[in-house]
Amino acid sequence: MTATDCVVGCDVGSQSTKAVLLSLGGSLVGEVTEGYAVDFPRPLWAEQPVGRWTEALGRTVSRLLQQAGVAANKVRALAVASQVDGVVPIDASGRPLLPAMLWMDRRAAAQCEAARAAWEQEDGFHRSGLNLDPSHVAPKIRWIAENQPKVNDRTAHFLLPGSYLAYHLTGEIAVDYSNASSTMLLDVRSRSWSQTLCGCFRVDPARLAPLGAASAVLGTLRPAAAESLGLKPGTPVVIGCGDEHAACLGGGVLRPGLVGDIAGTAEPVCAASPELLFDPGRLVETHCHADPASWLIENPGFVSGGNYRWYRDNFPSEAVISALRQGANAYALLDAEAERVPAGAEGLVFLPCLMGAMTPTWNDAARGMFAGFTLAHSRAHFTRAILEGSAYAVRDITDRMRIMGLDPQEIRVMGGGARSRLWNQIKADVTGIPVVVPYTTETTALGAALLALVGLGVDASLAEASNRVVQVRERIEPRTETREIYENLYALYRQTYAAMEPVFTETARRAQQSHVSDSPPES
C-alpha cells in the first residue's frame, strides 16, 4: 500500500477509456485501459451511447485504484480529456436524448452546404479557425434540428463528449476553450461563443455550455458518480479538455519546433504556436490549446489506428484470431508481418480515407482504397501499406506546417500507435523528421492528470507541470536510403488521391441517392 497522494487523469476516446494515477510528485503510479465499440449504423455515420463512456470510466478508475493499492481518500482530484467534435443533446433533467454523434460522423454534409454562403460571407474560417466540415459540431446540431425536430425541441443543452462526462461527474455544465474551439461556434480570437457563427447554423448560444479554463475546478464528485468510480464524494473535478490537446500536454508539445502525432483511432497532428496563425491552404486548423499561453495548429485527425483495427478485425490471419482470443497483442503480429515486406510495399499504396479525408485535402466524399496490387502481393504487403498510408498523411501535414513557418524539428508520437517501433520508423523515413517516443505513450490521460495538478495548485502552470513530469524514452532518426524510396511512393500516393477525386464524388452522389428516401426515425 502507498500513502502517496495522487490525481486521476482519464482519456475517454473513440475506442477505449484509459485512466492513470499520477502522484503529486509527478510519478506514474498506475494505468488501466478498457476498450469498447463504435456503432456505424450507415456509411459515414458513427455513434456511441453515452453509457458506454460512463460505464467504462467507472470500471477503469475502480480497477486503477485496486491494482495500484491506492485508497480513495488519497485521490485529490480528477480530470477527463475526451474525444472532440461529438455532440450529445440532453434535456432539462440531464438525460441524453440520442446516442452521441462522434467526430468521424459525417452525415451533416448537407447542413454544411446550406450554411456555406453565410459562412464565407462572415469569413467563418478566420473567425473560428476551422474549415466548414461535417466532422465539426455546428452542422451536427443543425442536422438534429432538421432531422430530429422533437429531439431538438426537448434539448436544453448541446454538450460535447467531455462536457457530458463532466456533467455526469459533477452535475455542473461547462466546456473548456480547446474543446469549444472544435465546434465552429467559438470566436478563436476572443475565446467566446460567436453570435455570428451561431447564426450561420441557427444555433442558440444559450443552449451551449458556459466556457472556462481546462484546469479550472468545475465542481466535486456527486455521490452516485463517486460510488461508480470507487472515489470519495466531494473529490474535485476540473473542467478538462480535448484529447489531442491533453495529449500534447502529456507529450510536452508546448514549444515551437515540436509536432505532436497522436496515433489513436484518429491521428491528429499538432504543433503549438505562441502566435495566432491561419493556414491559407486550410489543411490545418487553428484551435485553442489547453495551455492558455499557446494556440494549437492542427489537422484534427484522419482515421488511422481505426483503419488498422478495421483491417485486423475483418481480415485476420489464424495467428491474429488466436491472439485476439487469448487477449494477446495482435498488432505486434501484424507489425511483424509488415516488417518482412520491403519499404514501399512493392508499389502497393493505401489511401487512409475510410471515413472521408482530412488530408491531403478535406473531402467527406473520399473513400479508402488500395492501389497497385498484383498477384505477387501478399497480405503482409497490405498490412505494411496501411502503416505507410498513414505516414504519408502525416507528411502531408508536416510539410504544410513547414510552409507556414512552424519549422518542425521533432515529431513526438503518442497514443497506442506509439508502441509500434516499425510504424515510428516508417514515419521518420517518410517525413525526414526524427520521431521521439515519450516514456509514457498514453499521453492523453497523463495530460488530463496534469490539468488536475494545476487545478489543485500543485503546479502554477501547465507548462511547469509538463516540464516537470514529461520524459522521453526513445529517439528514431530517418534512414537516408529508405527516405529515397518513400519520396517516390509519397508522390504516387498524392497522384493516386488526385486521380480518384472524381470517382469519390460520383460514389458519394450515388450513396446519397440510395438513402434519400430512408429518413431517420423520429425519437
Protein backbone atom coordinates (compact mmCIF):
# COMPACT_ATOMS: atom_id res chain seq x y z
CA MET A 1 0.00 0.00 0.00
CA THR A 2 1.13 3.51 -0.72
CA ALA A 3 0.35 6.64 1.24
CA THR A 4 1.14 8.90 -1.72
CA ASP A 5 -1.49 11.48 -2.63
CA CYS A 6 -2.45 11.24 -6.31
CA VAL A 7 -4.59 12.66 -9.07
CA VAL A 8 -6.51 10.67 -11.67
CA GLY A 9 -6.35 11.54 -15.36
CA CYS A 10 -8.77 9.89 -17.80
CA ASP A 11 -8.83 9.69 -21.59
CA VAL A 12 -12.31 8.88 -22.89
CA GLY A 13 -11.63 8.14 -26.53
CA SER A 14 -13.44 6.67 -29.50
CA GLN A 15 -12.49 3.03 -28.91
CA SER A 16 -11.30 2.93 -25.31
CA THR A 17 -11.08 4.70 -21.98
CA LYS A 18 -7.71 4.96 -20.26
CA ALA A 19 -7.05 6.09 -16.71
CA VAL A 20 -3.77 6.91 -14.98
CA LEU A 21 -2.78 7.61 -11.39
CA LEU A 22 -0.13 10.29 -11.02
CA SER A 23 1.46 11.18 -7.72
CA LEU A 24 1.59 14.84 -6.78
CA GLY A 25 5.34 14.50 -7.20
CA GLY A 26 4.88 13.54 -10.87
CA SER A 27 5.43 9.76 -10.75
CA LEU A 28 3.16 7.42 -12.68
CA VAL A 29 1.57 5.07 -10.13
CA GLY A 30 -0.63 3.00 -12.43
CA GLU A 31 -2.68 2.86 -15.62
CA VAL A 32 -5.68 0.86 -16.86
CA THR A 33 -7.42 0.62 -20.25
CA GLU A 34 -10.79 -0.73 -21.33
CA GLY A 35 -11.97 -0.94 -24.94
CA TYR A 36 -15.43 -0.60 -26.45
CA ALA A 37 -17.10 -0.38 -29.84
CA VAL A 38 -18.20 2.38 -32.18
CA ASP A 39 -21.56 1.90 -33.91
CA PHE A 40 -21.76 2.54 -37.66
CA PRO A 41 -25.50 2.40 -38.49
CA ARG A 42 -24.95 3.75 -42.01
CA PRO A 43 -21.98 4.62 -44.20
CA LEU A 44 -20.21 7.67 -42.73
CA TRP A 45 -22.36 7.63 -39.56
CA ALA A 46 -20.62 6.94 -36.24
CA GLU A 47 -22.35 6.84 -32.85
CA GLN A 48 -21.92 5.75 -29.25
CA PRO A 49 -24.44 5.65 -26.41
CA VAL A 50 -23.04 7.76 -23.57
CA GLY A 51 -23.47 4.85 -21.16
CA ARG A 52 -20.58 3.17 -22.93
CA TRP A 53 -18.33 6.02 -21.72
CA THR A 54 -19.66 6.34 -18.19
CA GLU A 55 -19.56 2.60 -17.54
CA ALA A 56 -16.01 2.30 -18.89
CA LEU A 57 -14.96 5.33 -16.84
CA GLY A 58 -16.30 3.75 -13.66
CA ARG A 59 -14.64 0.41 -14.32
CA THR A 60 -11.24 1.80 -15.32
CA VAL A 61 -10.91 4.14 -12.33
CA SER A 62 -12.10 1.45 -9.89
CA ARG A 63 -9.63 -1.09 -11.30
CA LEU A 64 -6.88 1.51 -11.31
CA LEU A 65 -7.22 2.18 -7.58
CA GLN A 66 -7.49 -1.52 -6.82
CA GLN A 67 -4.47 -2.54 -8.87
CA ALA A 68 -2.30 0.32 -7.55
CA GLY A 69 -3.37 -0.27 -3.96
CA VAL A 70 -4.38 3.37 -3.51
CA ALA A 71 -7.18 4.31 -1.14
CA ALA A 72 -9.95 6.58 -2.37
CA ASN A 73 -9.07 9.26 0.17
CA LYS A 74 -5.60 9.57 -1.42
CA VAL A 75 -7.07 10.81 -4.73
CA ARG A 76 -7.06 14.58 -4.53
CA ALA A 77 -8.64 15.45 -7.91
CA LEU A 78 -9.87 14.03 -11.21
CA ALA A 79 -9.72 15.35 -14.79
CA VAL A 80 -11.10 13.96 -18.05
CA ALA A 81 -9.80 14.53 -21.56
CA SER A 82 -12.21 13.39 -24.23
CA GLN A 83 -12.72 12.85 -27.91
CA VAL A 84 -13.62 16.14 -29.58
CA ASP A 85 -16.17 17.11 -32.25
CA GLY A 86 -19.00 14.97 -30.89
CA VAL A 87 -22.41 16.17 -29.74
CA VAL A 88 -24.79 14.92 -27.03
CA PRO A 89 -28.21 16.59 -26.75
CA ILE A 90 -29.58 16.49 -23.18
CA ASP A 91 -32.96 17.53 -21.80
CA ALA A 92 -33.58 19.77 -18.78
CA SER A 93 -33.08 16.84 -16.40
CA GLY A 94 -29.73 15.95 -17.99
CA ARG A 95 -31.00 12.86 -19.83
CA PRO A 96 -29.27 12.14 -23.18
CA LEU A 97 -31.81 12.22 -26.00
CA LEU A 98 -29.73 10.48 -28.68
CA PRO A 99 -26.53 8.45 -28.93
CA ALA A 100 -23.53 10.75 -29.26
CA MET A 101 -22.71 11.69 -32.86
CA LEU A 102 -18.92 11.22 -32.98
CA TRP A 103 -16.16 13.22 -34.62
CA MET A 104 -15.93 10.75 -37.51
CA ASP A 105 -19.66 11.01 -38.23
CA ARG A 106 -20.05 12.92 -41.49
CA ARG A 107 -23.81 12.77 -42.04
CA ALA A 108 -24.19 16.57 -41.86
CA ALA A 109 -22.66 17.37 -45.25
CA ALA A 110 -25.93 18.89 -46.49
CA GLN A 111 -26.07 21.19 -43.46
CA CYS A 112 -22.56 22.42 -44.29
CA GLU A 113 -23.60 23.19 -47.84
CA ALA A 114 -26.71 25.02 -46.64
CA ALA A 115 -24.53 27.22 -44.39
CA ARG A 116 -21.76 27.80 -46.93
CA ALA A 117 -22.88 31.16 -48.28
CA ALA A 118 -23.32 32.69 -44.81
CA TRP A 119 -20.09 31.06 -43.58
CA GLU A 120 -18.00 32.50 -46.39
CA GLN A 121 -19.68 35.90 -46.20
CA GLU A 122 -18.87 36.10 -42.48
CA ASP A 123 -15.29 34.81 -43.04
CA GLY A 124 -16.02 31.82 -40.84
CA PHE A 125 -12.54 30.34 -41.24
CA HIS A 126 -10.79 33.38 -39.78
CA ARG A 127 -13.38 33.74 -37.01
CA SER A 128 -13.38 30.10 -35.92
CA GLY A 129 -10.02 28.85 -37.21
CA LEU A 130 -11.90 25.89 -38.69
CA ASN A 131 -12.87 24.50 -42.05
CA LEU A 132 -16.53 24.19 -42.94
CA ASP A 133 -16.79 20.44 -42.50
CA PRO A 134 -19.37 17.91 -41.25
CA SER A 135 -16.89 16.46 -38.75
CA HIS A 136 -17.40 19.56 -36.58
CA VAL A 137 -20.19 20.14 -34.09
CA ALA A 138 -22.24 23.00 -35.55
CA PRO A 139 -23.53 21.13 -38.63
CA LYS A 140 -24.33 18.13 -36.44
CA ILE A 141 -26.51 20.31 -34.22
CA ARG A 142 -28.24 21.62 -37.33
CA TRP A 143 -28.72 18.04 -38.59
CA ILE A 144 -30.54 17.19 -35.36
CA ALA A 145 -32.74 20.27 -35.71
CA GLU A 146 -33.72 19.32 -39.25
CA ASN A 147 -33.95 15.53 -38.93
CA GLN A 148 -34.97 15.04 -35.30
CA PRO A 149 -37.18 18.08 -34.55
CA LYS A 150 -38.81 16.52 -31.49
CA VAL A 151 -35.38 15.83 -30.02
CA ASN A 152 -34.32 19.37 -30.87
CA ASP A 153 -37.38 20.80 -29.13
CA ARG A 154 -36.64 18.84 -25.95
CA THR A 155 -32.93 19.71 -25.90
CA ALA A 156 -31.82 22.03 -23.10
CA HIS A 157 -28.09 21.83 -23.93
CA PHE A 158 -25.98 20.51 -26.76
CA LEU A 159 -22.92 19.12 -24.97
CA LEU A 160 -19.61 17.84 -26.27
CA PRO A 161 -18.43 14.43 -25.01
CA GLY A 162 -16.15 15.99 -22.39
CA SER A 163 -18.87 18.35 -21.22
CA TYR A 164 -21.32 15.48 -20.85
CA LEU A 165 -18.82 13.49 -18.81
CA ALA A 166 -18.06 16.47 -16.56
CA TYR A 167 -21.81 16.92 -16.06
CA HIS A 168 -22.20 13.21 -15.27
CA LEU A 169 -19.48 13.50 -12.62
CA THR A 170 -20.43 16.82 -11.01
CA GLY A 171 -23.88 17.93 -12.13
CA GLU A 172 -22.29 21.14 -13.46
CA ILE A 173 -22.14 22.20 -17.11
CA ALA A 174 -19.06 23.76 -18.72
CA VAL A 175 -16.70 23.37 -21.66
CA ASP A 176 -13.09 24.45 -21.96
CA TYR A 177 -11.75 26.63 -24.75
CA SER A 178 -9.89 23.82 -26.55
CA ASN A 179 -13.00 21.64 -26.84
CA ALA A 180 -15.16 24.62 -27.73
CA SER A 181 -12.77 25.66 -30.49
CA SER A 182 -13.66 22.49 -32.44
CA THR A 183 -17.35 23.41 -32.71
CA MET A 184 -17.25 26.09 -35.46
CA LEU A 185 -19.18 28.28 -32.99
CA LEU A 186 -16.30 29.82 -30.98
CA ASP A 187 -14.53 33.04 -31.94
CA VAL A 188 -10.97 31.77 -31.69
CA ARG A 189 -9.57 35.27 -31.09
CA SER A 190 -11.85 36.34 -28.24
CA ARG A 191 -12.42 32.78 -26.95
CA SER A 192 -16.16 33.39 -26.68
CA TRP A 193 -19.27 31.98 -28.35
CA SER A 194 -19.84 33.91 -31.55
CA GLN A 195 -23.34 35.17 -32.32
CA THR A 196 -22.24 35.47 -35.94
CA LEU A 197 -21.05 31.86 -36.24
CA CYS A 198 -24.04 30.54 -34.32
CA GLY A 199 -26.24 32.44 -36.76
CA CYS A 200 -24.72 30.56 -39.71
CA PHE A 201 -26.17 27.32 -38.31
CA ARG A 202 -29.14 28.81 -36.42
CA VAL A 203 -27.77 27.61 -33.09
CA ASP A 204 -28.91 29.36 -29.90
CA PRO A 205 -25.77 30.14 -27.83
CA ALA A 206 -27.85 29.75 -24.67
CA ARG A 207 -28.04 26.01 -25.42
CA LEU A 208 -24.23 25.72 -25.39
CA ALA A 209 -22.18 25.12 -22.25
CA PRO A 210 -20.57 28.03 -20.36
CA LEU A 211 -16.85 28.45 -21.16
CA GLY A 212 -13.94 28.02 -18.76
CA ALA A 213 -10.24 27.14 -18.50
CA ALA A 214 -9.34 23.46 -18.84
CA SER A 215 -7.61 23.34 -15.45
CA ALA A 216 -10.32 25.21 -13.53
CA VAL A 217 -12.18 23.21 -10.88
CA LEU A 218 -15.74 22.70 -12.14
CA GLY A 219 -17.20 21.04 -9.06
CA THR A 220 -16.98 17.91 -6.97
CA LEU A 221 -17.98 14.29 -7.48
CA ARG A 222 -21.64 13.54 -6.95
CA PRO A 223 -22.30 10.55 -4.65
CA ALA A 224 -23.56 8.24 -7.41
CA ALA A 225 -20.60 9.05 -9.68
CA ALA A 226 -18.16 8.67 -6.79
CA GLU A 227 -19.56 5.23 -6.00
CA SER A 228 -19.19 4.05 -9.59
CA LEU A 229 -15.57 5.25 -9.68
CA GLY A 230 -14.62 3.98 -6.24
CA LEU A 231 -13.74 7.53 -5.15
CA LYS A 232 -14.93 9.76 -2.35
CA PRO A 233 -17.87 12.12 -2.87
CA GLY A 234 -16.64 15.70 -2.88
CA THR A 235 -13.42 14.92 -4.79
CA PRO A 236 -12.65 17.97 -7.00
CA VAL A 237 -13.18 17.59 -10.76
CA VAL A 238 -11.59 20.03 -13.22
CA ILE A 239 -13.30 21.03 -16.47
CA GLY A 240 -10.93 19.00 -18.69
CA CYS A 241 -10.07 19.42 -22.38
CA GLY A 242 -9.96 17.77 -25.78
CA ASP A 243 -7.98 14.58 -26.25
CA GLU A 244 -5.34 15.87 -28.68
CA HIS A 245 -4.87 18.96 -26.51
CA ALA A 246 -4.28 16.81 -23.43
CA ALA A 247 -2.01 14.50 -25.42
CA CYS A 248 0.15 17.48 -26.34
CA LEU A 249 0.37 18.44 -22.65
CA GLY A 250 1.35 14.88 -21.74
CA GLY A 251 3.88 14.73 -24.58
CA GLY A 252 5.44 18.11 -23.86
CA VAL A 253 4.26 19.69 -27.13
CA LEU A 254 4.17 23.22 -25.75
CA ARG A 255 7.04 24.93 -27.56
CA PRO A 256 7.85 25.71 -31.22
CA GLY A 257 9.61 23.03 -33.26
CA LEU A 258 7.73 20.10 -31.75
CA VAL A 259 4.96 18.26 -33.57
CA GLY A 260 2.51 16.08 -31.69
CA ASP A 261 1.36 12.98 -33.58
CA ILE A 262 -1.42 11.26 -31.64
CA ALA A 263 -1.68 7.81 -33.22
CA GLY A 264 -5.01 6.56 -31.94
CA THR A 265 -8.27 5.73 -33.71
CA ALA A 266 -7.74 9.05 -35.47
CA GLU A 267 -4.35 10.67 -35.89
CA PRO A 268 -4.38 14.39 -35.06
CA VAL A 269 -1.11 16.10 -35.98
CA CYS A 270 -0.48 19.26 -33.96
CA ALA A 271 2.04 22.00 -33.28
CA ALA A 272 1.96 24.62 -30.54
CA SER A 273 2.33 28.24 -31.55
CA PRO A 274 2.68 31.29 -29.30
CA GLU A 275 1.11 33.33 -32.13
CA LEU A 276 -2.30 33.06 -33.75
CA LEU A 277 -1.69 31.55 -37.21
CA PHE A 278 -4.05 30.61 -40.03
CA ASP A 279 -3.25 28.24 -42.88
CA PRO A 280 -4.07 29.83 -46.27
CA GLY A 281 -4.32 26.31 -47.72
CA ARG A 282 -6.69 25.25 -44.92
CA LEU A 283 -5.17 21.80 -44.47
CA VAL A 284 -4.53 22.60 -40.82
CA GLU A 285 -6.84 24.47 -38.48
CA THR A 286 -6.30 26.87 -35.60
CA HIS A 287 -7.56 25.69 -32.21
CA CYS A 288 -7.21 26.94 -28.69
CA HIS A 289 -4.65 24.88 -26.77
CA ALA A 290 -5.40 23.53 -23.31
CA ASP A 291 -2.47 25.74 -22.30
CA PRO A 292 -3.75 29.35 -22.43
CA ALA A 293 -0.27 30.57 -23.43
CA SER A 294 -0.45 28.80 -26.82
CA TRP A 295 -2.56 28.03 -29.84
CA LEU A 296 -2.71 24.54 -31.31
CA ILE A 297 -2.18 24.47 -35.06
CA GLU A 298 -3.51 21.09 -36.12
CA ASN A 299 -5.08 18.78 -38.57
CA PRO A 300 -7.69 17.31 -36.21
CA GLY A 301 -7.22 13.77 -37.36
CA PHE A 302 -7.68 11.43 -40.30
CA VAL A 303 -8.80 7.91 -39.37
CA SER A 304 -5.59 5.95 -38.78
CA GLY A 305 -5.46 3.40 -35.97
CA GLY A 306 -9.15 2.87 -36.72
CA ASN A 307 -8.13 1.63 -40.19
CA TYR A 308 -5.62 -0.78 -38.68
CA ARG A 309 -8.23 -2.10 -36.26
CA TRP A 310 -10.77 -2.49 -39.09
CA TYR A 311 -8.18 -4.47 -41.06
CA ARG A 312 -7.28 -6.59 -38.02
CA ASP A 313 -10.91 -7.42 -37.26
CA ASN A 314 -12.16 -8.03 -40.79
CA PHE A 315 -9.18 -9.74 -42.45
CA PRO A 316 -7.42 -11.58 -39.65
CA SER A 317 -4.93 -14.38 -40.11
CA GLU A 318 -5.25 -17.51 -37.98
CA ALA A 319 -2.44 -16.18 -35.77
CA VAL A 320 -4.27 -12.89 -35.23
CA ILE A 321 -7.54 -14.70 -34.43
CA SER A 322 -5.71 -16.82 -31.86
CA ALA A 323 -4.05 -13.76 -30.33
CA LEU A 324 -7.38 -11.96 -30.03
CA ARG A 325 -8.96 -14.98 -28.33
CA GLN A 326 -6.12 -15.13 -25.82
CA GLY A 327 -6.08 -11.38 -25.16
CA ALA A 328 -2.59 -11.06 -26.67
CA ASN A 329 -1.28 -8.13 -28.73
CA ALA A 330 -2.49 -8.87 -32.25
CA TYR A 331 -1.00 -5.64 -33.56
CA ALA A 332 2.50 -6.90 -32.74
CA LEU A 333 1.82 -9.87 -35.03
CA LEU A 334 0.64 -7.55 -37.80
CA ASP A 335 3.75 -5.39 -37.39
CA ALA A 336 6.00 -8.44 -37.58
CA GLU A 337 4.21 -9.47 -40.77
CA ALA A 338 4.66 -6.00 -42.28
CA GLU A 339 8.33 -5.88 -41.34
CA ARG A 340 9.04 -8.78 -43.69
CA VAL A 341 7.99 -6.61 -46.66
CA PRO A 342 10.41 -4.05 -48.14
CA ALA A 343 9.82 -0.32 -47.70
CA GLY A 344 7.20 0.87 -50.18
CA ALA A 345 5.27 -2.43 -50.11
CA GLU A 346 6.49 -3.06 -53.66
CA GLY A 347 4.30 -0.34 -55.13
CA LEU A 348 1.11 -1.02 -53.14
CA VAL A 349 -0.42 2.28 -51.97
CA PHE A 350 -3.17 2.73 -49.37
CA LEU A 351 -5.37 5.83 -49.07
CA PRO A 352 -6.48 6.10 -45.40
CA CYS A 353 -9.89 7.62 -46.21
CA LEU A 354 -12.30 5.02 -44.81
CA MET A 355 -14.39 7.79 -43.19
CA GLY A 356 -13.67 10.57 -45.66
CA ALA A 357 -10.42 12.51 -45.96
CA MET A 358 -8.82 15.14 -43.76
CA THR A 359 -5.63 15.03 -45.82
CA PRO A 360 -4.20 15.63 -48.43
CA THR A 361 -7.46 17.61 -48.75
CA TRP A 362 -10.59 17.83 -46.64
CA ASN A 363 -13.10 15.74 -48.57
CA ASP A 364 -16.03 13.95 -46.95
CA ALA A 365 -16.68 12.15 -50.27
CA ALA A 366 -13.26 10.42 -50.26
CA ARG A 367 -13.09 6.67 -49.66
CA GLY A 368 -10.32 4.33 -48.63
CA MET A 369 -8.58 2.23 -51.25
CA PHE A 370 -5.60 0.07 -52.10
CA ALA A 371 -3.95 0.77 -55.45
CA GLY A 372 -1.25 -1.02 -57.42
CA PHE A 373 -1.57 -4.57 -56.09
CA THR A 374 -0.84 -7.64 -58.19
CA LEU A 375 -0.89 -11.40 -57.77
CA ALA A 376 2.59 -11.09 -56.31
CA HIS A 377 1.35 -9.09 -53.32
CA SER A 378 0.57 -10.91 -50.07
CA ARG A 379 -1.46 -9.92 -47.02
CA ALA A 380 1.81 -8.73 -45.47
CA HIS A 381 2.07 -6.12 -48.24
CA PHE A 382 -1.41 -4.86 -47.42
CA THR A 383 -0.51 -4.68 -43.75
CA ARG A 384 2.58 -2.59 -44.44
CA ALA A 385 0.71 -0.38 -46.92
CA ILE A 386 -1.76 0.61 -44.18
CA LEU A 387 1.09 1.81 -41.94
CA GLU A 388 2.74 3.63 -44.82
CA GLY A 389 -0.50 5.29 -45.95
CA SER A 390 -0.91 6.89 -42.52
CA ALA A 391 2.72 8.02 -42.61
CA TYR A 392 2.14 9.69 -45.98
CA ALA A 393 -0.80 11.54 -44.44
CA VAL A 394 1.39 12.72 -41.57
CA ARG A 395 3.87 14.06 -44.12
CA ASP A 396 1.08 16.00 -45.86
CA ILE A 397 0.59 17.86 -42.60
CA THR A 398 4.22 18.36 -41.53
CA ASP A 399 5.04 19.68 -45.00
CA ARG A 400 2.19 22.16 -44.66
CA MET A 401 3.40 23.23 -41.21
CA ARG A 402 6.84 23.88 -42.66
CA ILE A 403 5.30 26.14 -45.34
CA MET A 404 3.53 28.06 -42.55
CA GLY A 405 6.85 28.71 -40.83
CA LEU A 406 6.38 26.33 -37.90
CA ASP A 407 9.70 24.53 -38.72
CA PRO A 408 9.03 21.04 -37.32
CA GLN A 409 12.24 19.63 -35.83
CA GLU A 410 10.87 16.63 -33.97
CA ILE A 411 7.71 14.50 -34.09
CA ARG A 412 6.54 13.25 -30.72
CA VAL A 413 4.44 10.14 -31.35
CA MET A 414 1.83 9.36 -28.71
CA GLY A 415 -1.15 7.10 -28.18
CA GLY A 416 -1.45 3.38 -28.80
CA GLY A 417 0.30 3.59 -32.18
CA ALA A 418 3.44 4.89 -30.49
CA ARG A 419 4.12 1.37 -29.25
CA SER A 420 4.85 0.24 -32.82
CA ARG A 421 8.60 0.61 -33.44
CA LEU A 422 8.08 -0.20 -37.13
CA TRP A 423 5.39 2.45 -37.61
CA ASN A 424 7.53 5.06 -35.85
CA GLN A 425 10.48 4.26 -38.10
CA ILE A 426 8.27 4.47 -41.22
CA LYS A 427 7.07 7.93 -40.13
CA ALA A 428 10.63 9.13 -39.60
CA ASP A 429 11.66 7.80 -43.01
CA VAL A 430 8.62 9.24 -44.83
CA THR A 431 8.74 12.71 -43.26
CA GLY A 432 12.50 13.07 -42.86
CA ILE A 433 11.92 14.27 -39.28
CA PRO A 434 13.21 12.46 -36.16
CA VAL A 435 10.48 10.67 -34.22
CA VAL A 436 10.58 10.79 -30.43
CA VAL A 437 8.57 8.50 -28.15
CA PRO A 438 7.71 9.76 -24.65
CA TYR A 439 8.28 7.46 -21.70
CA THR A 440 4.51 7.34 -21.17
CA THR A 441 2.85 6.83 -24.56
CA GLU A 442 -0.71 7.27 -23.23
CA THR A 443 -0.13 10.98 -23.00
CA THR A 444 -3.80 11.99 -23.21
CA ALA A 445 -4.62 10.51 -19.81
CA LEU A 446 -1.32 11.89 -18.50
CA GLY A 447 -2.19 15.35 -19.85
CA ALA A 448 -5.54 15.17 -18.07
CA ALA A 449 -3.69 14.37 -14.84
CA LEU A 450 -1.53 17.46 -15.40
CA LEU A 451 -4.73 19.53 -15.60
CA ALA A 452 -5.71 18.12 -12.21
CA LEU A 453 -2.31 19.06 -10.74
CA VAL A 454 -2.71 22.65 -11.90
CA GLY A 455 -6.32 22.73 -10.73
CA LEU A 456 -5.13 21.74 -7.25
CA GLY A 457 -2.39 24.38 -7.32
CA VAL A 458 0.44 21.83 -7.17
CA ASP A 459 1.91 23.47 -10.31
CA ALA A 460 1.45 27.12 -11.21
CA SER A 461 1.00 26.48 -14.96
CA LEU A 462 0.54 23.66 -17.44
CA ALA A 463 3.98 24.35 -18.92
CA GLU A 464 5.51 23.96 -15.46
CA ALA A 465 3.64 20.70 -14.85
CA SER A 466 4.54 19.31 -18.27
CA ASN A 467 8.23 20.23 -17.98
CA ARG A 468 8.39 18.59 -14.56
CA VAL A 469 6.64 15.33 -15.47
CA VAL A 470 7.20 14.51 -19.17
CA GLN A 471 10.17 12.28 -20.04
CA VAL A 472 11.45 10.95 -23.39
CA ARG A 473 12.16 7.23 -23.90
CA GLU A 474 13.45 6.87 -27.47
CA ARG A 475 14.56 8.89 -30.49
CA ILE A 476 14.32 7.41 -34.00
CA GLU A 477 16.29 9.02 -36.84
CA PRO A 478 15.25 8.93 -40.52
CA ARG A 479 17.21 6.47 -42.68
CA THR A 480 18.59 8.07 -45.83
CA GLU A 481 18.32 5.02 -48.07
CA THR A 482 14.68 4.36 -47.13
CA ARG A 483 13.79 8.04 -47.36
CA GLU A 484 14.62 7.99 -51.09
CA ILE A 485 12.24 5.06 -51.66
CA TYR A 486 9.46 6.87 -49.83
CA GLU A 487 9.98 10.09 -51.80
CA ASN A 488 8.78 8.27 -54.93
CA LEU A 489 5.98 6.41 -53.17
CA TYR A 490 4.74 9.56 -51.46
CA ALA A 491 4.42 11.23 -54.86
CA LEU A 492 2.46 8.18 -56.09
CA TYR A 493 0.16 8.40 -53.05
CA ARG A 494 -0.60 12.05 -53.91
CA GLN A 495 -1.16 11.23 -57.59
CA THR A 496 -3.49 8.35 -56.70
CA TYR A 497 -5.60 10.55 -54.46
CA ALA A 498 -5.86 13.30 -57.09
CA ALA A 499 -6.81 10.81 -59.80
CA MET A 500 -9.54 9.32 -57.62
CA GLU A 501 -11.25 12.58 -56.61
CA PRO A 502 -13.82 12.48 -59.47
CA VAL A 503 -14.61 8.86 -58.60
CA PHE A 504 -15.05 9.78 -54.93
CA THR A 505 -17.53 12.48 -55.88
CA GLU A 506 -19.59 10.14 -58.03
CA THR A 507 -19.54 7.36 -55.42
CA ALA A 508 -20.77 9.75 -52.73
CA ARG A 509 -23.53 11.04 -55.04
CA ARG A 510 -24.81 7.53 -55.68
CA ALA A 511 -24.67 6.64 -51.98
CA GLN A 512 -26.68 9.78 -51.16
CA GLN A 513 -29.32 8.82 -53.74
CA SER A 514 -29.64 5.34 -52.27
CA HIS A 515 -30.52 6.82 -48.85
CA VAL A 516 -32.65 9.76 -49.97
CA SER A 517 -35.93 8.02 -49.09
CA ASP A 518 -34.55 6.33 -45.98
CA SER A 519 -35.13 9.05 -43.39
CA PRO A 520 -34.04 8.53 -39.78
CA PRO A 521 -36.71 7.51 -37.25
CA GLU A 522 -38.03 10.27 -35.01
CA SER A 523 -37.08 9.92 -31.35
